[in-house]
Amino acid sequence: MIYTITLNPALDRTLWVSEIKEDVSNRIIREESYPGGKGIDVSKVLTALGVPNRALGFIAGFAGRQLEAQLTRDGTDCSFIPVSGETRTNVVIHELGSGRQIILNSAGPEVKPFELLEISDLVRKIEEPEFVSIGGSLPPRAHPEVYRKIIETAKLRRAKVVLDVDREALLVGIRGKPDVIKPNIHELSALVGKRLEKRGEILEAAREINRRGVGIVLVSMGPRGILLVSEGKAYQAVPPEVEVVNTIGAGDSSVAGFIYGLVAGRDLKEALIWATAAGTATTLRQGTALATREDVERIVPQVRLETISED
């Protein structure tokens, strides 16, 4: 079974307007709400790809119940821990006239220390975990050490762990030695303490993280694709040019595509191609991590793979 963990999920309230004008009423043309948060996004795309999975994390209030109901309706199993307060609502505004996308993220409810311990207890009890994918921001005042604890607990259950977080959470989280991390270039730069631009610099930084005990580093590089670095192996997958209408959840979709490839028995190169195709598929559709299987399968043959090194 595949499990995802989102400690601070969200409802992404997405609005479409013709244009945003100051000091006047701006009419909303369309409005939708999507379950969001990095782990939630991974679950949604895995479900779209036909991979059974279960979403874990915290939910609160009416927004939390709505998030869970929408995931369940769409076919994702859930085991959320209820907490007080209200699950955060993020606002995403698509300005149709300019093509701009404006994102307003809220902080979310505070989760008490004893409740944070409950998530590790829940991970300790999960059945036959093959992969555990952990991602997203922390609840207010939560220490990133909770990520290290969850990683170590999942690895004791012999699960392969994927970590997709940033800033201090990534620095602390890799001390738990997750099997896979997926930083973008800026996040990897912060992790190694130097600005990275050229591919050689990115490769060396990723290899430094390999030496710290992280088996696979997936570096998302926007239009340049995804770089995979693992124990002497390095590959770059470049997506086809597409008309991008949305970027929210693209990286999370890549994580789902990578997990899908490995679960399906594909090697690292093929899993990387599926990761790149899934991330690209999400950019084609407005909403949060809404890659479809049809789009992913159509893009897979168009992804160009380059072998950089293969010892």
Protein backbone atom coordinates (compact mmCIF):
# COMPACT_ATOMS: atom_id res chain seq x y z
CA MET A 1 0.00 0.00 0.00
CA ILE A 2 1.09 3.55 -0.72
CA TYR A 3 0.57 6.13 2.03
CA THR A 4 0.82 9.91 1.81
CA ILE A 5 1.20 12.25 4.77
CA THR A 6 0.12 15.91 4.79
CA LEU A 7 0.40 17.63 8.16
CA ASN A 8 -1.08 20.92 6.97
CA PRO A 9 -3.56 20.18 4.13
CA ALA A 10 -5.68 22.83 2.50
CA LEU A 11 -8.74 23.52 0.46
CA ASP A 12 -7.56 25.43 -2.58
CA ARG A 13 -10.37 27.85 -3.43
CA THR A 14 -9.74 28.67 -7.08
CA LEU A 15 -11.32 31.73 -8.68
CA TRP A 16 -11.39 32.84 -12.31
CA VAL A 17 -11.79 36.55 -13.12
CA SER A 18 -11.41 38.54 -16.34
CA GLU A 19 -9.01 40.98 -14.71
CA ILE A 20 -8.29 42.41 -11.28
CA LYS A 21 -9.05 46.11 -10.88
CA GLU A 22 -8.38 48.17 -7.77
CA ASP A 23 -11.13 49.86 -5.76
CA VAL A 24 -13.99 48.27 -7.73
CA SER A 25 -15.95 45.03 -7.46
CA ASN A 26 -14.30 42.25 -9.44
CA ARG A 27 -16.80 39.72 -10.71
CA ILE A 28 -15.92 36.03 -10.26
CA ILE A 29 -16.61 34.11 -13.47
CA ARG A 30 -16.05 30.63 -12.04
CA GLU A 31 -15.19 29.14 -8.67
CA GLU A 32 -14.00 25.68 -7.59
CA SER A 33 -12.49 24.11 -4.47
CA TYR A 34 -9.87 21.36 -4.63
CA PRO A 35 -8.23 19.34 -1.83
CA GLY A 36 -4.62 20.49 -1.64
CA GLY A 37 -1.31 20.12 0.14
CA LYS A 38 1.68 18.21 -1.22
CA GLY A 39 0.81 14.77 0.13
CA ILE A 40 -2.85 15.22 -0.82
CA ASP A 41 -1.77 16.11 -4.36
CA VAL A 42 0.33 12.96 -4.58
CA SER A 43 -2.67 10.90 -3.46
CA LYS A 44 -4.94 12.51 -6.05
CA VAL A 45 -2.59 11.75 -8.94
CA LEU A 46 -1.88 8.21 -7.73
CA THR A 47 -5.63 7.64 -7.64
CA ALA A 48 -5.94 9.03 -11.19
CA LEU A 49 -3.21 6.59 -12.28
CA GLY A 50 -5.09 3.67 -10.71
CA VAL A 51 -2.76 3.15 -7.74
CA PRO A 52 -4.55 2.39 -4.44
CA ASN A 53 -3.30 4.67 -1.68
CA ARG A 54 -4.32 6.18 1.63
CA ALA A 55 -3.99 9.82 2.68
CA LEU A 56 -2.95 10.51 6.29
CA GLY A 57 -2.68 13.79 8.16
CA PHE A 58 -4.68 16.31 10.16
CA ILE A 59 -8.01 17.90 9.33
CA ALA A 60 -10.06 20.47 11.24
CA GLY A 61 -13.53 21.96 11.08
CA PHE A 62 -15.90 22.20 8.14
CA ALA A 63 -13.13 22.76 5.59
CA GLY A 64 -11.40 19.60 6.80
CA ARG A 65 -14.57 17.56 6.44
CA GLN A 66 -15.11 18.97 2.96
CA LEU A 67 -11.54 18.07 1.99
CA GLU A 68 -11.97 14.51 3.21
CA ALA A 69 -15.36 14.14 1.53
CA GLN A 70 -13.99 15.29 -1.83
CA LEU A 71 -11.03 12.91 -1.65
CA THR A 72 -13.28 10.01 -0.70
CA ARG A 73 -15.72 10.86 -3.49
CA ASP A 74 -12.89 10.76 -6.00
CA GLY A 75 -11.64 7.37 -4.81
CA THR A 76 -8.84 8.07 -2.32
CA ASP A 77 -8.93 6.31 1.05
CA CYS A 78 -8.33 8.60 4.04
CA SER A 79 -7.23 8.19 7.66
CA PHE A 80 -7.11 11.72 9.02
CA ILE A 81 -6.69 12.79 12.64
CA PRO A 82 -9.22 15.50 13.61
CA VAL A 83 -7.88 18.53 15.47
CA SER A 84 -9.43 21.76 16.70
CA GLY A 85 -9.64 24.89 14.56
CA GLU A 86 -10.21 24.98 10.81
CA THR A 87 -8.27 23.44 7.94
CA ARG A 88 -6.71 26.27 5.97
CA THR A 89 -8.20 27.62 2.78
CA ASN A 90 -5.82 28.94 0.15
CA VAL A 91 -7.02 31.30 -2.57
CA VAL A 92 -5.84 30.91 -6.15
CA ILE A 93 -6.89 33.62 -8.61
CA HIS A 94 -6.61 33.11 -12.37
CA GLU A 95 -6.70 36.43 -14.21
CA LEU A 96 -7.89 35.39 -17.67
CA GLY A 97 -6.97 38.62 -19.44
CA SER A 98 -3.29 38.51 -18.51
CA GLY A 99 -2.84 34.81 -17.76
CA ARG A 100 -1.51 35.71 -14.31
CA GLN A 101 -1.97 33.33 -11.40
CA ILE A 102 -2.12 34.86 -7.91
CA ILE A 103 -1.77 32.53 -4.91
CA LEU A 104 -2.65 33.46 -1.32
CA ASN A 105 -1.69 30.79 1.22
CA SER A 106 -3.00 30.77 4.79
CA ALA A 107 -1.17 29.34 7.80
CA GLY A 108 -3.59 26.66 8.95
CA PRO A 109 -4.59 25.49 12.44
CA GLU A 110 -2.11 24.95 15.24
CA VAL A 111 -1.62 21.28 16.07
CA LYS A 112 -0.82 20.45 19.69
CA PRO A 113 2.36 18.50 20.53
CA PHE A 114 0.46 15.41 21.67
CA GLU A 115 -1.48 15.44 18.39
CA LEU A 116 1.78 15.54 16.44
CA LEU A 117 2.83 12.40 18.29
CA GLU A 118 -0.37 10.72 17.12
CA ILE A 119 0.76 10.85 13.49
CA SER A 120 3.86 8.79 14.33
CA ASP A 121 1.64 6.32 16.18
CA LEU A 122 -0.56 6.11 13.10
CA VAL A 123 2.45 5.45 10.86
CA ARG A 124 3.64 2.78 13.26
CA LYS A 125 0.33 0.92 12.69
CA ILE A 126 -0.01 1.19 8.91
CA GLU A 127 -0.31 -2.13 7.10
CA GLU A 128 2.19 -3.36 4.51
CA PRO A 129 3.62 0.05 3.58
CA GLU A 130 5.53 0.01 0.31
CA PHE A 131 5.98 3.77 -0.04
CA VAL A 132 5.30 6.62 2.35
CA SER A 133 5.28 10.04 0.68
CA ILE A 134 5.59 13.01 3.05
CA GLY A 135 5.16 16.56 1.85
CA GLY A 136 4.09 20.10 2.48
CA SER A 137 4.31 22.83 5.07
CA LEU A 138 4.18 22.32 8.81
CA PRO A 139 1.30 23.51 11.00
CA PRO A 140 2.07 26.76 12.84
CA ARG A 141 4.65 26.36 15.64
CA ALA A 142 5.32 22.70 14.79
CA HIS A 143 9.03 21.84 14.83
CA PRO A 144 10.43 20.20 11.67
CA GLU A 145 11.85 17.45 13.87
CA VAL A 146 8.42 15.83 13.46
CA TYR A 147 9.36 14.99 9.87
CA ARG A 148 12.52 13.18 10.96
CA LYS A 149 10.49 11.21 13.49
CA ILE A 150 7.91 10.19 10.88
CA ILE A 151 10.64 9.16 8.41
CA GLU A 152 12.43 7.00 10.96
CA THR A 153 9.14 5.39 12.03
CA ALA A 154 8.18 4.62 8.42
CA LYS A 155 11.62 3.13 7.69
CA LEU A 156 11.26 0.85 10.71
CA ARG A 157 8.17 -0.48 8.92
CA ARG A 158 10.43 -1.15 5.89
CA ALA A 159 8.70 1.49 3.78
CA LYS A 160 10.54 3.49 1.14
CA VAL A 161 10.15 7.15 2.12
CA VAL A 162 9.79 10.11 -0.23
CA LEU A 163 10.22 13.58 1.31
CA ASP A 164 9.10 16.77 -0.44
CA VAL A 165 9.46 19.75 1.90
CA ASP A 166 11.57 22.90 1.92
CA ARG A 167 13.72 25.21 4.04
CA GLU A 168 14.47 24.04 7.60
CA ALA A 169 12.04 21.13 7.28
CA LEU A 170 14.17 19.69 4.47
CA LEU A 171 17.43 20.28 6.36
CA VAL A 172 16.10 18.48 9.44
CA GLY A 173 14.12 15.87 7.50
CA ILE A 174 17.10 14.47 5.58
CA ARG A 175 18.68 13.54 8.91
CA GLY A 176 16.11 10.74 8.94
CA LYS A 177 17.67 9.52 5.64
CA PRO A 178 14.60 9.34 3.41
CA ASP A 179 15.02 7.21 0.29
CA VAL A 180 14.00 10.02 -2.07
CA ILE A 181 13.80 13.81 -1.87
CA LYS A 182 12.45 16.16 -4.55
CA PRO A 183 13.77 19.69 -4.16
CA ASN A 184 13.67 22.33 -6.85
CA ILE A 185 16.88 24.20 -7.70
CA HIS A 186 16.25 26.93 -5.11
CA GLU A 187 15.52 24.41 -2.35
CA LEU A 188 18.62 22.38 -3.19
CA SER A 189 20.68 25.60 -3.23
CA ALA A 190 19.48 26.43 0.29
CA LEU A 191 20.19 22.88 1.43
CA VAL A 192 23.86 22.95 0.37
CA GLY A 193 24.37 26.66 1.10
CA LYS A 194 25.39 27.82 -2.36
CA ARG A 195 23.68 29.21 -5.43
CA LEU A 196 23.22 26.57 -8.12
CA GLU A 197 22.66 27.35 -11.80
CA LYS A 198 24.65 25.11 -14.14
CA ARG A 199 23.83 21.43 -14.43
CA GLY A 200 27.27 20.41 -13.19
CA GLU A 201 26.76 22.43 -10.02
CA ILE A 202 23.35 20.86 -9.47
CA LEU A 203 24.77 17.37 -10.04
CA GLU A 204 27.55 17.86 -7.49
CA ALA A 205 25.11 19.27 -4.92
CA ALA A 206 22.79 16.30 -5.40
CA ARG A 207 25.70 13.89 -5.01
CA GLU A 208 26.58 15.63 -1.74
CA ILE A 209 23.05 14.84 -0.53
CA ASN A 210 23.51 11.22 -1.67
CA ARG A 211 26.57 11.08 0.57
CA ARG A 212 24.43 12.23 3.49
CA GLY A 213 22.36 9.06 3.16
CA VAL A 214 19.59 10.05 0.73
CA GLY A 215 19.47 7.40 -1.99
CA ILE A 216 17.75 9.36 -4.76
CA VAL A 217 17.64 13.11 -5.34
CA LEU A 218 15.08 14.34 -7.87
CA VAL A 219 15.72 17.98 -8.76
CA SER A 220 12.85 19.72 -10.53
CA MET A 221 14.13 22.35 -12.94
CA GLY A 222 10.99 23.76 -14.55
CA PRO A 223 11.05 23.65 -18.37
CA ARG A 224 14.47 21.93 -18.20
CA GLY A 225 12.76 18.90 -16.66
CA ILE A 226 13.88 16.72 -13.77
CA LEU A 227 17.38 15.59 -12.84
CA LEU A 228 17.77 12.24 -11.03
CA VAL A 229 20.98 11.56 -9.13
CA SER A 230 21.60 8.28 -7.30
CA GLU A 231 24.83 6.45 -6.41
CA GLY A 232 26.78 7.07 -9.58
CA LYS A 233 23.71 7.26 -11.80
CA ALA A 234 22.46 10.54 -13.21
CA TYR A 235 19.67 11.12 -15.73
CA GLN A 236 17.81 14.14 -17.00
CA ALA A 237 14.28 13.92 -18.36
CA VAL A 238 13.08 16.85 -20.44
CA PRO A 239 9.35 17.33 -21.12
CA PRO A 240 7.86 18.37 -24.44
CA GLU A 241 6.88 22.00 -24.90
CA VAL A 242 3.26 22.50 -23.84
CA GLU A 243 0.92 25.39 -23.21
CA VAL A 244 1.09 25.82 -19.45
CA VAL A 245 -2.19 26.95 -17.87
CA ASN A 246 -1.40 26.05 -14.25
CA THR A 247 1.65 25.16 -12.17
CA ILE A 248 0.07 24.31 -8.79
CA GLY A 249 0.73 20.71 -7.87
CA ALA A 250 3.01 19.98 -10.83
CA GLY A 251 5.92 18.98 -8.58
CA ASP A 252 3.66 16.83 -6.42
CA SER A 253 2.34 15.16 -9.56
CA SER A 254 5.94 14.33 -10.48
CA VAL A 255 6.37 12.57 -7.15
CA ALA A 256 3.22 10.54 -7.84
CA GLY A 257 4.44 9.65 -11.33
CA PHE A 258 7.81 8.52 -9.95
CA ILE A 259 6.17 6.34 -7.30
CA TYR A 260 3.81 4.93 -9.93
CA GLY A 261 6.75 3.96 -12.12
CA LEU A 262 8.56 2.15 -9.31
CA VAL A 263 5.42 0.39 -8.08
CA ALA A 264 4.77 -0.78 -11.65
CA GLY A 265 8.21 -2.41 -11.69
CA ARG A 266 9.95 0.07 -13.97
CA ASP A 267 13.60 1.01 -13.57
CA LEU A 268 14.80 4.43 -12.45
CA LYS A 269 15.00 5.82 -15.98
CA GLU A 270 11.43 4.81 -16.81
CA ALA A 271 10.15 6.04 -13.43
CA LEU A 272 11.81 9.39 -14.12
CA ILE A 273 10.04 9.62 -17.47
CA TRP A 274 6.68 8.96 -15.77
CA ALA A 275 7.51 11.58 -13.14
CA THR A 276 8.21 14.16 -15.83
CA ALA A 277 5.10 13.25 -17.80
CA ALA A 278 2.85 13.45 -14.73
CA GLY A 279 4.20 16.85 -13.74
CA THR A 280 3.73 18.14 -17.27
CA ALA A 281 0.21 16.72 -17.46
CA THR A 282 -0.84 18.77 -14.44
CA THR A 283 0.29 22.01 -16.11
CA LEU A 284 -2.27 21.42 -18.86
CA ARG A 285 -5.30 21.68 -16.57
CA GLN A 286 -6.57 24.39 -14.28
CA GLY A 287 -6.99 23.26 -10.69
CA THR A 288 -4.70 21.58 -8.20
CA ALA A 289 -2.77 18.44 -9.26
CA LEU A 290 -5.36 17.33 -11.78
CA ALA A 291 -3.18 15.23 -14.06
CA THR A 292 -5.23 12.56 -15.81
CA ARG A 293 -3.99 9.12 -16.79
CA GLU A 294 -4.82 9.85 -20.43
CA ASP A 295 -2.68 13.00 -20.46
CA VAL A 296 0.20 11.28 -18.69
CA GLU A 297 0.22 8.30 -21.05
CA ARG A 298 0.10 10.62 -24.06
CA ILE A 299 3.09 12.64 -22.81
CA VAL A 300 5.30 9.69 -21.77
CA PRO A 301 6.58 8.96 -25.32
CA GLN A 302 7.36 12.66 -25.81
CA VAL A 303 9.72 12.91 -22.83
CA ARG A 304 13.39 13.00 -23.82
CA LEU A 305 15.77 11.14 -21.51
CA GLU A 306 19.51 11.82 -21.33
CA THR A 307 21.92 9.53 -19.49
CA ILE A 308 24.56 11.74 -17.84
CA SER A 309 26.44 9.00 -15.98
CA GLU A 310 25.79 5.36 -15.25
CA ASP A 311 28.56 3.62 -13.35
